[in-house]
Protein backbone atom coordinates (compact mmCIF):
# COMPACT_ATOMS: atom_id res chain seq x y z
CA MET A 1 -50.14 -23.83 34.43
CA PRO A 2 -46.81 -25.15 35.86
CA SER A 3 -44.97 -22.68 38.07
CA SER A 4 -41.72 -23.38 36.19
CA PHE A 5 -43.31 -22.02 33.01
CA LEU A 6 -44.42 -18.87 34.81
CA TRP A 7 -40.94 -18.34 36.24
CA SER A 8 -39.41 -18.85 32.76
CA LEU A 9 -41.87 -16.33 31.34
CA GLY A 10 -40.95 -13.91 34.09
CA GLY A 11 -37.26 -14.52 33.46
CA PHE A 12 -37.81 -13.69 29.80
CA PHE A 13 -39.30 -10.27 30.55
CA ILE A 14 -37.10 -9.42 33.55
CA VAL A 15 -33.77 -10.52 32.07
CA LEU A 16 -33.76 -10.95 28.30
CA THR A 17 -35.92 -8.00 27.25
CA PRO A 18 -33.84 -5.31 29.05
CA ILE A 19 -30.54 -6.86 27.87
CA ILE A 20 -31.58 -6.83 24.21
CA LEU A 21 -33.05 -3.34 24.57
CA VAL A 22 -29.77 -2.03 26.01
CA HIS A 23 -27.87 -3.65 23.10
CA GLU A 24 -30.05 -1.85 20.55
CA LEU A 25 -29.83 1.43 22.46
CA GLY A 26 -26.05 1.15 22.15
CA HIS A 27 -26.38 0.98 18.35
CA PHE A 28 -28.93 3.81 18.36
CA PHE A 29 -26.91 6.34 20.35
CA ALA A 30 -23.71 5.49 18.47
CA ALA A 31 -25.51 6.10 15.17
CA ARG A 32 -26.83 9.44 16.43
CA LEU A 33 -23.36 10.49 17.64
CA SER A 34 -21.98 9.57 14.21
CA ASN A 35 -24.66 11.59 12.38
CA ILE A 36 -26.08 8.43 10.82
CA ARG A 37 -29.80 8.68 10.15
CA VAL A 38 -31.98 6.18 12.01
CA GLU A 39 -35.28 5.45 10.30
CA GLU A 40 -36.88 3.56 13.19
CA PHE A 41 -36.24 2.56 16.77
CA GLY A 42 -38.67 -0.11 17.85
CA PHE A 43 -39.60 -1.41 21.27
CA GLY A 44 -40.19 -5.11 20.67
CA PHE A 45 -40.00 -6.85 17.27
CA PRO A 46 -42.39 -6.30 14.32
CA PRO A 47 -45.15 -6.39 13.35
CA ARG A 48 -45.75 -2.86 14.51
CA ALA A 49 -48.54 -2.32 17.01
CA LEU A 50 -48.33 1.43 17.47
CA LYS A 51 -46.38 4.44 16.25
CA LEU A 52 -45.38 6.25 19.43
CA ALA A 53 -43.70 9.33 17.98
CA GLU A 54 -41.53 10.68 15.18
CA ARG A 55 -38.61 12.99 15.89
CA ASN A 56 -35.72 14.15 13.73
CA GLY A 57 -36.71 11.68 11.05
CA THR A 58 -36.82 8.71 13.42
CA ILE A 59 -40.00 6.73 14.04
CA TYR A 60 -40.36 5.36 17.58
CA SER A 61 -42.65 2.34 17.52
CA LEU A 62 -44.18 -0.25 19.83
CA ASN A 63 -44.21 -3.73 18.33
CA TRP A 64 -46.10 -6.92 19.05
CA ILE A 65 -43.24 -9.35 19.81
CA PRO A 66 -41.94 -8.34 23.29
CA LEU A 67 -38.26 -9.15 22.74
CA GLY A 68 -36.14 -6.10 23.50
CA GLY A 69 -36.11 -3.85 20.47
CA PHE A 70 -34.44 -3.05 17.17
CA VAL A 71 -32.72 -0.21 15.30
CA ARG A 72 -33.27 0.34 11.58
CA PRO A 73 -30.59 2.72 10.26
CA ALA A 74 -30.97 4.26 6.84
CA GLY A 75 -28.97 2.58 4.08
CA GLU A 76 -27.76 -0.32 6.20
CA ASP A 77 -26.42 -2.17 3.14
CA ASP A 78 -26.65 0.55 0.49
CA PRO A 79 -23.74 3.04 0.37
CA SER A 80 -25.58 5.16 -2.21
CA ILE A 81 -28.02 6.48 0.44
CA PRO A 82 -26.73 9.78 1.94
CA GLY A 83 -26.53 9.81 5.72
CA GLY A 84 -26.97 6.05 5.89
CA LEU A 85 -24.89 3.48 7.73
CA ALA A 86 -23.20 1.97 4.68
CA ALA A 87 -22.29 5.45 3.39
CA ALA A 88 -20.53 6.40 6.63
CA SER A 89 -16.79 6.19 7.19
CA LYS A 90 -15.20 2.91 8.26
CA ARG A 91 -14.53 4.41 11.71
CA ALA A 92 -18.16 5.44 12.15
CA ARG A 93 -19.47 2.07 10.99
CA LEU A 94 -17.14 0.22 13.36
CA PHE A 95 -18.22 2.48 16.22
CA VAL A 96 -21.90 1.78 15.59
CA LEU A 97 -21.39 -1.97 15.24
CA PHE A 98 -19.22 -2.26 18.37
CA ALA A 99 -21.59 -0.07 20.39
CA GLY A 100 -24.23 -2.78 20.88
CA ALA A 101 -21.81 -5.16 22.54
CA GLY A 102 -20.18 -2.23 24.33
CA ALA A 103 -23.53 -1.29 25.88
CA ASN A 104 -23.97 -4.89 27.05
CA PHE A 105 -20.50 -4.90 28.63
CA ILE A 106 -21.18 -1.61 30.42
CA MET A 107 -24.52 -2.97 31.64
CA ALA A 108 -22.84 -6.14 32.91
CA LEU A 109 -20.12 -4.17 34.71
CA VAL A 110 -22.73 -2.06 36.53
CA VAL A 111 -25.02 -5.01 37.32
CA PHE A 112 -22.17 -7.17 38.66
CA TRP A 113 -20.88 -4.19 40.66
CA ILE A 114 -24.26 -3.73 42.35
CA ALA A 115 -24.59 -7.49 42.90
CA PHE A 116 -21.23 -7.78 44.67
CA MET A 117 -21.99 -4.80 46.89
CA ILE A 118 -25.36 -6.35 47.82
CA GLY A 119 -23.61 -9.64 48.45
CA MET A 120 -24.55 -13.29 48.32
CA PRO A 121 -26.37 -15.04 51.17
CA ALA A 122 -23.74 -16.19 53.62
CA VAL A 123 -23.18 -19.94 54.15
CA ALA A 124 -23.88 -21.29 57.63
CA ILE A 125 -23.49 -24.66 59.36
CA SER A 126 -26.71 -26.62 59.79
CA ALA A 127 -25.17 -29.51 61.77
CA VAL A 128 -21.79 -30.84 62.93
CA GLU A 129 -21.09 -34.57 62.77
CA GLU A 130 -19.97 -36.04 66.08
CA GLY A 131 -16.26 -36.86 66.11
CA SER A 132 -15.65 -35.07 62.78
CA PRO A 133 -12.74 -32.66 62.16
CA ALA A 134 -15.21 -29.79 62.47
CA ALA A 135 -16.35 -31.03 65.90
CA VAL A 136 -12.74 -31.36 67.04
CA ALA A 137 -12.01 -27.82 65.81
CA GLY A 138 -14.95 -26.41 67.76
CA PHE A 139 -17.44 -25.58 65.00
CA GLN A 140 -21.07 -25.19 66.07
CA ALA A 141 -24.42 -25.25 64.32
CA GLU A 142 -25.41 -21.82 62.91
CA ASP A 143 -21.78 -20.65 62.68
CA VAL A 144 -21.57 -18.46 59.57
CA PHE A 145 -18.54 -18.84 57.28
CA LEU A 146 -16.83 -15.51 56.60
CA GLU A 147 -13.38 -16.51 55.30
CA VAL A 148 -11.51 -19.75 54.57
CA ASN A 149 -7.72 -19.36 54.47
CA GLY A 150 -8.22 -15.64 53.93
CA ILE A 151 -10.62 -16.10 50.98
CA LYS A 152 -14.19 -14.80 51.24
CA ALA A 153 -16.54 -17.76 51.77
CA GLU A 154 -19.06 -16.58 49.18
CA THR A 155 -20.47 -19.99 48.26
CA SER A 156 -20.50 -23.54 49.54
CA ALA A 157 -18.44 -24.46 46.44
CA VAL A 158 -15.64 -22.09 47.51
CA ILE A 159 -15.58 -23.66 50.97
CA ALA A 160 -15.69 -27.24 49.66
CA ASP A 161 -12.95 -26.64 47.05
CA ILE A 162 -10.54 -25.27 49.63
CA MET A 163 -11.27 -28.07 52.08
CA ARG A 164 -10.66 -30.71 49.41
CA SER A 165 -7.50 -29.09 48.07
CA GLN A 166 -6.06 -28.65 51.58
CA ALA A 167 -6.91 -32.17 52.82
CA GLY A 168 -4.61 -33.21 55.66
CA GLU A 169 -3.38 -29.65 56.20
CA PRO A 170 -4.53 -26.99 58.69
CA VAL A 171 -7.16 -24.59 57.32
CA GLU A 172 -8.03 -21.37 59.12
CA VAL A 173 -11.72 -20.48 59.09
CA LEU A 174 -13.20 -17.19 60.27
CA VAL A 175 -16.81 -17.63 61.39
CA GLN A 176 -19.51 -15.36 62.75
CA ARG A 177 -21.01 -16.73 65.97
CA GLY A 178 -23.77 -14.54 67.29
CA ASP A 179 -22.37 -11.02 67.57
CA GLU A 180 -18.73 -12.14 67.65
CA THR A 181 -16.22 -13.67 65.25
CA GLU A 182 -14.14 -16.78 65.92
CA LEU A 183 -10.98 -17.98 64.15
CA LEU A 184 -10.95 -21.77 64.06
CA THR A 185 -8.40 -24.21 62.64
CA VAL A 186 -9.59 -27.46 61.08
CA ILE A 187 -7.72 -30.28 59.33
CA PRO A 188 -9.88 -31.71 56.50
CA ARG A 189 -9.85 -35.48 56.10
CA LEU A 190 -8.00 -37.14 53.25
CA PRO A 191 -9.89 -39.00 50.49
CA GLY A 192 -10.79 -42.47 51.72
CA GLU A 193 -11.21 -41.33 55.31
CA TYR A 194 -14.87 -40.41 54.78
CA ASP A 195 -17.77 -41.23 52.48
CA PRO A 196 -18.23 -38.23 50.11
CA ALA A 197 -21.75 -39.40 49.30
CA VAL A 198 -22.70 -38.84 52.94
CA GLU A 199 -20.54 -35.97 54.20
CA GLY A 200 -17.72 -33.64 53.25
CA PRO A 201 -14.05 -33.41 54.30
CA ILE A 202 -14.76 -31.71 57.64
CA GLY A 203 -18.16 -33.23 58.47
CA VAL A 204 -20.64 -30.37 58.47
CA GLY A 205 -24.00 -29.69 56.87
CA LEU A 206 -24.40 -26.34 55.12
CA MET A 207 -27.33 -23.98 54.72
CA ALA A 208 -28.06 -20.32 53.99
CA ALA A 209 -27.45 -18.09 56.98
CA PRO A 210 -30.76 -18.04 58.90
CA ASP A 211 -30.77 -14.31 59.67
CA GLY A 212 -29.77 -12.97 56.24
CA ARG A 213 -26.08 -12.14 56.79
CA ARG A 214 -24.30 -11.58 53.59
CA ILE A 215 -20.82 -11.61 52.15
CA THR A 216 -20.52 -8.04 50.86
CA ARG A 217 -17.81 -5.90 49.25
CA GLY A 218 -17.02 -2.21 49.26
CA PRO A 219 -17.51 -0.21 46.02
CA GLY A 220 -13.87 -0.48 44.92
CA GLU A 221 -13.51 -4.19 45.63
CA ALA A 222 -16.89 -4.86 44.04
CA LEU A 223 -15.85 -3.04 40.86
CA VAL A 224 -12.66 -5.10 40.59
CA GLU A 225 -14.62 -8.32 41.13
CA SER A 226 -17.16 -7.19 38.52
CA ALA A 227 -14.45 -6.76 35.89
CA ARG A 228 -12.89 -10.09 36.90
CA SER A 229 -16.24 -11.86 36.52
CA MET A 230 -16.71 -10.44 33.02
CA TRP A 231 -13.24 -11.57 31.99
CA ASN A 232 -13.84 -15.06 33.38
CA ILE A 233 -17.05 -15.42 31.36
CA VAL A 234 -15.31 -14.47 28.11
CA TYR A 235 -12.26 -16.62 28.92
CA LEU A 236 -14.33 -19.70 29.73
CA THR A 237 -16.46 -19.20 26.61
CA VAL A 238 -13.35 -19.17 24.42
CA ARG A 239 -11.98 -22.25 26.17
CA VAL A 240 -15.12 -24.38 25.82
CA PRO A 241 -13.94 -26.26 22.67
CA ALA A 242 -10.60 -27.14 24.28
CA MET A 243 -12.32 -28.15 27.52
CA LEU A 244 -14.60 -30.48 25.57
CA ILE A 245 -11.67 -32.08 23.73
CA ASN A 246 -9.70 -32.52 26.96
CA GLY A 247 -12.69 -33.99 28.78
CA GLU A 248 -12.78 -31.19 31.36
CA ILE A 249 -16.51 -30.77 30.74
CA SER A 250 -19.16 -33.04 29.25
CA PRO A 251 -21.13 -32.23 26.06
CA SER A 252 -24.25 -31.71 28.19
CA GLU A 253 -22.44 -29.02 30.22
CA ALA A 254 -21.47 -27.20 27.01
CA ARG A 255 -24.97 -27.47 25.56
CA PRO A 256 -25.98 -24.41 23.53
CA VAL A 257 -29.34 -22.94 24.47
CA SER A 258 -32.00 -20.88 22.75
CA VAL A 259 -34.04 -17.98 24.04
CA VAL A 260 -36.26 -20.61 25.68
CA GLY A 261 -33.35 -22.18 27.57
CA ILE A 262 -32.03 -18.79 28.63
CA SER A 263 -35.51 -17.92 29.91
CA GLN A 264 -35.56 -21.15 31.92
CA ILE A 265 -32.20 -20.33 33.51
CA ALA A 266 -33.20 -16.72 34.18
CA GLY A 267 -36.51 -17.91 35.63
CA GLN A 268 -34.77 -20.17 38.10
CA ALA A 269 -32.47 -17.32 39.15
CA ALA A 270 -35.51 -15.09 39.65
CA GLU A 271 -37.22 -17.77 41.73
CA VAL A 272 -34.13 -18.19 43.95
CA SER A 273 -33.91 -14.40 44.42
CA VAL A 274 -37.56 -14.17 45.45
CA THR A 275 -37.38 -17.25 47.71
CA ASN A 276 -34.25 -16.01 49.51
CA SER A 277 -35.18 -12.31 49.41
CA ASN A 278 -31.82 -11.58 47.81
CA LEU A 279 -31.22 -9.88 44.47
CA PHE A 280 -27.77 -11.39 43.93
CA PRO A 281 -28.87 -14.49 41.93
CA ILE A 282 -30.97 -12.55 39.40
CA LEU A 283 -28.42 -9.72 39.10
CA ASN A 284 -25.64 -12.25 38.61
CA MET A 285 -27.65 -13.92 35.84
CA VAL A 286 -28.39 -10.58 34.14
CA GLY A 287 -24.67 -9.76 34.16
CA PHE A 288 -23.72 -13.19 32.81
CA ILE A 289 -26.23 -13.13 29.93
CA SER A 290 -25.35 -9.53 29.07
CA VAL A 291 -21.67 -10.43 28.70
CA ALA A 292 -22.52 -13.58 26.75
CA LEU A 293 -24.81 -11.69 24.35
CA GLY A 294 -22.28 -8.93 23.78
CA PHE A 295 -19.40 -11.34 23.18
CA THR A 296 -21.46 -13.63 20.91
CA ASN A 297 -22.50 -10.69 18.75
CA LEU A 298 -18.85 -9.84 18.13
CA LEU A 299 -18.05 -13.27 16.71
CA PRO A 300 -17.20 -13.07 12.97
CA ILE A 301 -20.44 -14.77 11.89
CA PRO A 302 -22.47 -13.41 8.95
CA ALA A 303 -25.58 -11.45 10.00
CA LEU A 304 -24.14 -10.71 13.45
CA ASP A 305 -22.36 -7.47 14.31
CA GLY A 306 -19.05 -9.34 14.26
CA GLY A 307 -19.70 -10.51 10.70
CA ARG A 308 -20.31 -6.96 9.54
CA ILE A 309 -17.20 -5.78 11.40
CA LEU A 310 -15.19 -8.46 9.56
CA PHE A 311 -16.30 -7.06 6.19
CA ILE A 312 -15.19 -3.56 7.23
CA LEU A 313 -11.78 -4.89 8.29
CA ILE A 314 -11.44 -6.71 4.96
CA GLU A 315 -12.36 -3.44 3.25
CA ALA A 316 -9.63 -1.64 5.18
CA VAL A 317 -7.03 -4.23 4.14
CA ARG A 318 -8.14 -4.37 0.47
CA GLY A 319 -8.49 -0.64 0.18
CA ARG A 320 -11.94 -0.95 -1.38
CA ARG A 321 -15.38 -2.13 -0.35
CA ILE A 322 -16.73 -5.58 -1.16
CA GLU A 323 -19.73 -5.21 -3.45
CA PRO A 324 -22.81 -4.45 -1.27
CA GLU A 325 -24.86 -7.05 -3.15
CA ARG A 326 -22.37 -9.81 -2.30
CA GLU A 327 -22.05 -8.75 1.32
CA GLY A 328 -25.82 -8.51 1.65
CA MET A 329 -26.24 -12.02 0.23
CA VAL A 330 -23.70 -13.41 2.73
CA HIS A 331 -25.62 -11.83 5.61
CA ILE A 332 -28.95 -13.15 4.31
CA VAL A 333 -27.58 -16.68 4.09
CA GLY A 334 -26.03 -16.31 7.54
CA MET A 335 -29.33 -15.11 8.98
CA LEU A 336 -31.21 -18.06 7.48
CA VAL A 337 -28.67 -20.49 8.96
CA LEU A 338 -28.88 -18.80 12.36
CA LEU A 339 -32.68 -18.87 12.31
CA GLY A 340 -32.64 -22.57 11.44
CA LEU A 341 -30.19 -23.31 14.24
CA MET A 342 -32.26 -21.25 16.66
CA ALA A 343 -35.39 -23.20 15.72
CA LEU A 344 -33.61 -26.49 16.45
CA LEU A 345 -32.37 -25.20 19.81
CA ILE A 346 -35.85 -23.97 20.74
CA VAL A 347 -37.28 -27.44 20.03
CA GLN A 348 -34.46 -28.99 22.11
CA ASP A 349 -35.11 -26.66 25.05
CA ILE A 350 -38.85 -27.40 24.96
CA VAL A 351 -38.50 -31.18 24.61
CA ASN A 352 -35.53 -31.43 26.97
CA PRO A 353 -35.68 -28.47 29.40
CA ILE A 354 -32.53 -27.20 31.08
CA PHE A 355 -34.05 -27.98 34.49
């Protein structure tokens, strides 16, 4: 069995299952706080494998399909059922529907916060080209990048972007050399003065720091960076259509993925974390997917939480509820369309894997 499949399978259980479970727990606790009766809370998707317990009218079950879980509130689409979701006030229904995404956002904030405090593997120099700007500036092999022009050198991309944007101008670099730090000044070469296929603007090779040094943040700074990361994910997601039209990204870069593709991505992050003995890659991926799932569920698409929220907002504007039968039919059609789209994406991710 290929190792990539095993990593994808592991990514599925390590990343996707907890994220979906947290989403459903958000709905569950919000329903309980709103005095809405929950008929069943299931671990995994039906068919049911085992009835674990029954408390306060709620069945807790273990199901055969190991994909997170589900919440089945009473009267989800029938306002005639007392104590059910549809019979609750508009405020209570909105609270329950928003709570799933809210739980995902809280999860992402905490996961990103931990990830930034743990820190990414620091970037070090593997080799310095003779006669290059780096050699002139005094860089040495195994120097560890700490800051570039006052910005934390968290990734090789951060370092490369600054060097390219500041070509021909002095750039201050703080490096760790042994037990001491050194502040070096380098002038990156201009385009045309080097072959980018062979080397970068300053002429160094990069690698992960050999002794595990990391770029870490304190709790306060990590929390701010966590919130910033969440905002960037939502902002970039909203901008994808415009970026495609403007040619900023290619269609392949904006490719939608199914649960299979997400598992492939999560599996690679898990493999990198294990290989480098660093939790940052897998935690970063958990945070990213949690934000993406929460935001996607709030889109005004029938069958999703956002679609149901839209009907409540229309009800508030109209002053009366849209007939439950009509709303239910819209959600059924929306679910069928989503399932069809998901099936196509699953086939795409199997035939043409992400990696």
